[in-house]
Amino acid sequence: MSRKVNNENKSFRGSIVYLTSMEKEALKRAINQYLEDVGGADKNSPFAQFFHEYDEGPLSSAYNKLIK
């Protein structure tokens, strides 16, 4: 089963995804909420550490693309 998931992830890489304006706004709100939650968490908590290690860069990039 993991092979299938890996193949699906690879096929998505580089794909163009079109979003409606409502979807873009929802994603911006979700990213902002995540940032607020991380900002309110203890910086040494597993939640904050996970964010900084895995999500901070990709979400910043995604958000910048959404606001263009």
C-alpha atoms as a PDB file:
ATOM      1  CA  MET A   1       0.000   0.000   0.000  1.00  0.00           C
ATOM      2  CA  SER A   2       2.819   2.440   0.723  1.00  0.00           C
ATOM      3  CA  ARG A   3       4.029   2.024  -2.859  1.00  0.00           C
ATOM      4  CA  LYS A   4       0.663   3.269  -4.135  1.00  0.00           C
ATOM      5  CA  VAL A   5       0.790   6.308  -1.864  1.00  0.00           C
ATOM      6  CA  ASN A   6       4.337   7.104  -2.984  1.00  0.00           C
ATOM      7  CA  ASN A   7       3.348   6.825  -6.644  1.00  0.00           C
ATOM      8  CA  GLU A   8       0.373   9.125  -6.124  1.00  0.00           C
ATOM      9  CA  ASN A   9       2.542  11.684  -4.359  1.00  0.00           C
ATOM     10  CA  LYS A  10       5.092  11.611  -7.167  1.00  0.00           C
ATOM     11  CA  SER A  11       2.439  12.031  -9.839  1.00  0.00           C
ATOM     12  CA  PHE A  12       1.138  15.152  -8.089  1.00  0.00           C
ATOM     13  CA  ARG A  13       4.533  16.833  -7.985  1.00  0.00           C
ATOM     14  CA  GLY A  14       4.696  19.671 -10.493  1.00  0.00           C
ATOM     15  CA  SER A  15       1.005  19.511 -11.283  1.00  0.00           C
ATOM     16  CA  ILE A  16      -0.976  22.697 -11.695  1.00  0.00           C
ATOM     17  CA  VAL A  17      -3.886  23.034  -9.301  1.00  0.00           C
ATOM     18  CA  TYR A  18      -6.587  25.587  -9.931  1.00  0.00           C
ATOM     19  CA  LEU A  19      -8.531  26.895  -6.946  1.00  0.00           C
ATOM     20  CA  THR A  20     -11.661  28.951  -6.729  1.00  0.00           C
ATOM     21  CA  SER A  21     -11.487  32.253  -4.876  1.00  0.00           C
ATOM     22  CA  MET A  22     -13.445  30.679  -2.005  1.00  0.00           C
ATOM     23  CA  GLU A  23     -10.933  27.827  -1.781  1.00  0.00           C
ATOM     24  CA  LYS A  24      -8.039  30.295  -1.762  1.00  0.00           C
ATOM     25  CA  GLU A  25      -9.633  32.325   1.029  1.00  0.00           C
ATOM     26  CA  ALA A  26     -10.294  29.176   3.069  1.00  0.00           C
ATOM     27  CA  LEU A  27      -6.683  28.076   2.686  1.00  0.00           C
ATOM     28  CA  LYS A  28      -5.396  31.503   3.711  1.00  0.00           C
ATOM     29  CA  ARG A  29      -7.595  31.398   6.829  1.00  0.00           C
ATOM     30  CA  ALA A  30      -6.443  27.861   7.656  1.00  0.00           C
ATOM     31  CA  ILE A  31      -2.782  28.827   7.293  1.00  0.00           C
ATOM     32  CA  ASN A  32      -3.296  31.926   9.434  1.00  0.00           C
ATOM     33  CA  GLN A  33      -5.047  29.857  12.114  1.00  0.00           C
ATOM     34  CA  TYR A  34      -2.182  27.352  12.109  1.00  0.00           C
ATOM     35  CA  LEU A  35       0.319  30.197  12.497  1.00  0.00           C
ATOM     36  CA  GLU A  36      -1.683  31.623  15.401  1.00  0.00           C
ATOM     37  CA  ASP A  37      -1.845  28.207  17.070  1.00  0.00           C
ATOM     38  CA  VAL A  38       1.909  27.745  16.692  1.00  0.00           C
ATOM     39  CA  GLY A  39       2.528  31.268  17.953  1.00  0.00           C
ATOM     40  CA  GLY A  40       0.515  30.529  21.086  1.00  0.00           C
ATOM     41  CA  ALA A  41       2.212  27.194  21.743  1.00  0.00           C
ATOM     42  CA  ASP A  42       5.324  26.626  23.803  1.00  0.00           C
ATOM     43  CA  LYS A  43       8.204  26.906  21.332  1.00  0.00           C
ATOM     44  CA  ASN A  44       9.681  23.652  22.660  1.00  0.00           C
ATOM     45  CA  SER A  45       6.425  21.729  22.301  1.00  0.00           C
ATOM     46  CA  PRO A  46       6.263  18.865  19.789  1.00  0.00           C
ATOM     47  CA  PHE A  47       3.557  20.800  17.923  1.00  0.00           C
ATOM     48  CA  ALA A  48       5.774  23.852  17.394  1.00  0.00           C
ATOM     49  CA  GLN A  49       8.818  21.741  16.605  1.00  0.00           C
ATOM     50  CA  PHE A  50       6.872  19.788  13.978  1.00  0.00           C
ATOM     51  CA  PHE A  51       5.671  23.038  12.422  1.00  0.00           C
ATOM     52  CA  HIS A  52       9.157  24.513  12.217  1.00  0.00           C
ATOM     53  CA  GLU A  53      10.692  21.312  10.879  1.00  0.00           C
ATOM     54  CA  TYR A  54       8.079  20.291   8.309  1.00  0.00           C
ATOM     55  CA  ASP A  55       5.405  22.902   7.664  1.00  0.00           C
ATOM     56  CA  GLU A  56       6.870  26.378   8.044  1.00  0.00           C
ATOM     57  CA  GLY A  57       8.702  26.538   4.707  1.00  0.00           C
ATOM     58  CA  PRO A  58       6.063  24.887   2.510  1.00  0.00           C
ATOM     59  CA  LEU A  59       3.202  26.822   4.105  1.00  0.00           C
ATOM     60  CA  SER A  60       5.014  30.134   3.744  1.00  0.00           C
ATOM     61  CA  SER A  61       5.592  29.349   0.088  1.00  0.00           C
ATOM     62  CA  ALA A  62       1.975  28.286  -0.457  1.00  0.00           C
ATOM     63  CA  TYR A  63       0.659  31.372   1.311  1.00  0.00           C
ATOM     64  CA  ASN A  64       2.815  33.659  -0.816  1.00  0.00           C
ATOM     65  CA  LYS A  65       1.412  32.009  -3.948  1.00  0.00           C
ATOM     66  CA  LEU A  66      -2.140  32.396  -2.651  1.00  0.00           C
ATOM     67  CA  ILE A  67      -1.823  36.131  -2.046  1.00  0.00           C
ATOM     68  CA  LYS A  68      -0.526  36.863  -5.558  1.00  0.00           C
END
